[in-house]
Amino acid sequence: MSEWKEYKLGMLGWVITGKTPSKNNPVDWGNEIPFITPSDYKNYGKFARAADRNLSQIGVERLRNKILPPNSILVTCIGSDMGKVVMNKIGVITNQQINSIIPDSNLVLC
């Protein structure tokens, strides 16, 4: 019988907290990069492939937050949606109510 190994999340990859651009800057919003918020989770099963809102390239640059690569793990961390999890299938950015884990692709845990 095998034992479960315990790891700190930081040992499994990189933990990223999202950010939200101002709604007062319309130039930040467009259709370049999906911007995921907890309200988008209602549209998902296990995987996120789109979002209700998208950022422009200017918005992405001004936000200065990492675009999450496909197969990152997105976890809601605030409010009534806390603890919901999806995996993105495209590059996305999230708001501050979502913490994400970018798995270390060099790590093998089996």
C-alpha atoms as a PDB file:
ATOM      1  CA  MET A   1       0.000   0.000   0.000  1.00  0.00           C
ATOM      2  CA  SER A   2       1.450   3.363  -1.004  1.00  0.00           C
ATOM      3  CA  GLU A   3       1.575   6.447   1.158  1.00  0.00           C
ATOM      4  CA  TRP A   4       0.401   9.846  -0.006  1.00  0.00           C
ATOM      5  CA  LYS A   5       3.196  12.369  -0.222  1.00  0.00           C
ATOM      6  CA  GLU A   6       2.535  15.891   0.962  1.00  0.00           C
ATOM      7  CA  TYR A   7       3.757  18.915  -0.971  1.00  0.00           C
ATOM      8  CA  LYS A   8       3.429  22.638  -0.446  1.00  0.00           C
ATOM      9  CA  LEU A   9       1.676  24.247  -3.408  1.00  0.00           C
ATOM     10  CA  GLY A  10       4.761  26.304  -4.179  1.00  0.00           C
ATOM     11  CA  MET A  11       6.670  23.060  -4.735  1.00  0.00           C
ATOM     12  CA  LEU A  12       4.226  21.964  -7.458  1.00  0.00           C
ATOM     13  CA  GLY A  13       4.392  25.083  -9.570  1.00  0.00           C
ATOM     14  CA  TRP A  14       3.777  28.826  -9.450  1.00  0.00           C
ATOM     15  CA  VAL A  15       0.856  30.398  -7.600  1.00  0.00           C
ATOM     16  CA  ILE A  16      -0.590  33.511  -9.251  1.00  0.00           C
ATOM     17  CA  THR A  17      -3.289  35.854  -7.922  1.00  0.00           C
ATOM     18  CA  GLY A  18      -5.333  37.668 -10.544  1.00  0.00           C
ATOM     19  CA  LYS A  19      -5.926  41.401 -10.945  1.00  0.00           C
ATOM     20  CA  THR A  20      -8.769  43.485 -12.332  1.00  0.00           C
ATOM     21  CA  PRO A  21      -8.327  46.486 -14.623  1.00  0.00           C
ATOM     22  CA  SER A  22     -10.510  49.546 -14.112  1.00  0.00           C
ATOM     23  CA  LYS A  23     -13.871  49.531 -15.854  1.00  0.00           C
ATOM     24  CA  ASN A  24     -13.280  53.272 -16.367  1.00  0.00           C
ATOM     25  CA  ASN A  25     -10.627  52.554 -19.021  1.00  0.00           C
ATOM     26  CA  PRO A  26     -12.556  51.182 -22.013  1.00  0.00           C
ATOM     27  CA  VAL A  27      -9.287  50.835 -23.940  1.00  0.00           C
ATOM     28  CA  ASP A  28      -8.331  47.997 -21.533  1.00  0.00           C
ATOM     29  CA  TRP A  29     -11.247  45.886 -22.716  1.00  0.00           C
ATOM     30  CA  GLY A  30     -11.429  44.183 -26.096  1.00  0.00           C
ATOM     31  CA  ASN A  31     -11.219  40.679 -27.493  1.00  0.00           C
ATOM     32  CA  GLU A  32      -7.569  39.642 -27.205  1.00  0.00           C
ATOM     33  CA  ILE A  33      -7.328  37.608 -23.976  1.00  0.00           C
ATOM     34  CA  PRO A  34     -10.226  36.018 -22.033  1.00  0.00           C
ATOM     35  CA  PHE A  35     -10.652  37.626 -18.600  1.00  0.00           C
ATOM     36  CA  ILE A  36     -12.076  35.025 -16.215  1.00  0.00           C
ATOM     37  CA  THR A  37     -14.040  35.889 -13.078  1.00  0.00           C
ATOM     38  CA  PRO A  38     -15.955  33.583 -10.710  1.00  0.00           C
ATOM     39  CA  SER A  39     -19.209  34.433 -12.521  1.00  0.00           C
ATOM     40  CA  ASP A  40     -17.784  32.714 -15.631  1.00  0.00           C
ATOM     41  CA  TYR A  41     -17.629  29.383 -13.781  1.00  0.00           C
ATOM     42  CA  LYS A  42     -21.358  28.869 -14.388  1.00  0.00           C
ATOM     43  CA  ASN A  43     -20.454  28.305 -18.059  1.00  0.00           C
ATOM     44  CA  TYR A  44     -17.836  25.648 -17.346  1.00  0.00           C
ATOM     45  CA  GLY A  45     -17.671  21.985 -16.516  1.00  0.00           C
ATOM     46  CA  LYS A  46     -14.072  21.018 -15.835  1.00  0.00           C
ATOM     47  CA  PHE A  47     -12.479  23.286 -18.431  1.00  0.00           C
ATOM     48  CA  ALA A  48     -12.437  27.013 -19.230  1.00  0.00           C
ATOM     49  CA  ARG A  49     -12.311  27.798 -22.937  1.00  0.00           C
ATOM     50  CA  ALA A  50     -13.746  31.347 -23.028  1.00  0.00           C
ATOM     51  CA  ALA A  51     -14.961  34.176 -20.785  1.00  0.00           C
ATOM     52  CA  ASP A  52     -17.831  36.651 -20.763  1.00  0.00           C
ATOM     53  CA  ARG A  53     -15.311  39.520 -20.996  1.00  0.00           C
ATOM     54  CA  ASN A  54     -11.967  39.902 -22.730  1.00  0.00           C
ATOM     55  CA  LEU A  55      -9.033  42.254 -22.370  1.00  0.00           C
ATOM     56  CA  SER A  56      -7.367  44.211 -25.147  1.00  0.00           C
ATOM     57  CA  GLN A  57      -3.624  43.944 -25.654  1.00  0.00           C
ATOM     58  CA  ILE A  58      -3.322  47.362 -24.002  1.00  0.00           C
ATOM     59  CA  GLY A  59      -5.286  46.072 -21.009  1.00  0.00           C
ATOM     60  CA  VAL A  60      -3.044  43.027 -20.747  1.00  0.00           C
ATOM     61  CA  GLU A  61       0.075  45.210 -20.831  1.00  0.00           C
ATOM     62  CA  ARG A  62      -1.275  47.707 -18.290  1.00  0.00           C
ATOM     63  CA  LEU A  63      -2.403  44.974 -15.927  1.00  0.00           C
ATOM     64  CA  ARG A  64       1.110  43.508 -15.959  1.00  0.00           C
ATOM     65  CA  ASN A  65      -0.156  40.148 -14.797  1.00  0.00           C
ATOM     66  CA  LYS A  66       0.897  36.818 -16.214  1.00  0.00           C
ATOM     67  CA  ILE A  67      -1.189  35.233 -18.933  1.00  0.00           C
ATOM     68  CA  LEU A  68      -1.943  31.807 -17.526  1.00  0.00           C
ATOM     69  CA  PRO A  69      -0.837  29.106 -19.949  1.00  0.00           C
ATOM     70  CA  PRO A  70      -3.189  26.273 -20.884  1.00  0.00           C
ATOM     71  CA  ASN A  71      -3.623  23.577 -18.227  1.00  0.00           C
ATOM     72  CA  SER A  72      -3.253  25.941 -15.291  1.00  0.00           C
ATOM     73  CA  ILE A  73      -5.533  25.284 -12.316  1.00  0.00           C
ATOM     74  CA  LEU A  74      -7.889  28.159 -11.449  1.00  0.00           C
ATOM     75  CA  VAL A  75      -9.422  28.204  -7.944  1.00  0.00           C
ATOM     76  CA  THR A  76     -11.988  30.722  -6.720  1.00  0.00           C
ATOM     77  CA  CYS A  77     -10.913  32.004  -3.322  1.00  0.00           C
ATOM     78  CA  ILE A  78     -13.520  34.539  -2.169  1.00  0.00           C
ATOM     79  CA  GLY A  79     -17.284  34.635  -1.682  1.00  0.00           C
ATOM     80  CA  SER A  80     -20.027  32.114  -2.283  1.00  0.00           C
ATOM     81  CA  ASP A  81     -18.114  30.587  -5.207  1.00  0.00           C
ATOM     82  CA  MET A  82     -15.066  29.846  -3.035  1.00  0.00           C
ATOM     83  CA  GLY A  83     -13.348  26.552  -3.812  1.00  0.00           C
ATOM     84  CA  LYS A  84     -14.629  26.037  -7.358  1.00  0.00           C
ATOM     85  CA  VAL A  85     -11.911  24.720  -9.667  1.00  0.00           C
ATOM     86  CA  VAL A  86     -11.433  24.657 -13.437  1.00  0.00           C
ATOM     87  CA  MET A  87      -8.499  24.073 -15.760  1.00  0.00           C
ATOM     88  CA  ASN A  88      -8.014  26.511 -18.623  1.00  0.00           C
ATOM     89  CA  LYS A  89      -7.548  25.203 -22.149  1.00  0.00           C
ATOM     90  CA  ILE A  90      -6.405  28.555 -23.590  1.00  0.00           C
ATOM     91  CA  GLY A  91      -4.285  31.439 -22.301  1.00  0.00           C
ATOM     92  CA  VAL A  92      -6.315  33.562 -19.858  1.00  0.00           C
ATOM     93  CA  ILE A  93      -6.046  36.253 -17.206  1.00  0.00           C
ATOM     94  CA  THR A  94      -8.153  36.147 -14.033  1.00  0.00           C
ATOM     95  CA  ASN A  95      -9.428  38.673 -11.532  1.00  0.00           C
ATOM     96  CA  GLN A  96      -8.273  38.914  -7.915  1.00  0.00           C
ATOM     97  CA  GLN A  97     -10.956  36.491  -6.705  1.00  0.00           C
ATOM     98  CA  ILE A  98      -9.114  33.636  -8.404  1.00  0.00           C
ATOM     99  CA  ASN A  99      -5.794  32.116  -7.421  1.00  0.00           C
ATOM    100  CA  SER A 100      -4.149  29.942 -10.043  1.00  0.00           C
ATOM    101  CA  ILE A 101      -1.468  27.287 -10.076  1.00  0.00           C
ATOM    102  CA  ILE A 102       0.787  26.958 -13.096  1.00  0.00           C
ATOM    103  CA  PRO A 103       2.053  23.384 -12.712  1.00  0.00           C
ATOM    104  CA  ASP A 104       5.779  22.773 -13.036  1.00  0.00           C
ATOM    105  CA  SER A 105       5.932  20.720 -16.237  1.00  0.00           C
ATOM    106  CA  ASN A 106       9.256  19.208 -15.153  1.00  0.00           C
ATOM    107  CA  LEU A 107       7.760  17.716 -12.000  1.00  0.00           C
ATOM    108  CA  VAL A 108       6.627  14.080 -12.036  1.00  0.00           C
ATOM    109  CA  LEU A 109       4.646  13.002  -8.978  1.00  0.00           C
ATOM    110  CA  CYS A 110       3.692   9.447  -9.901  1.00  0.00           C
END
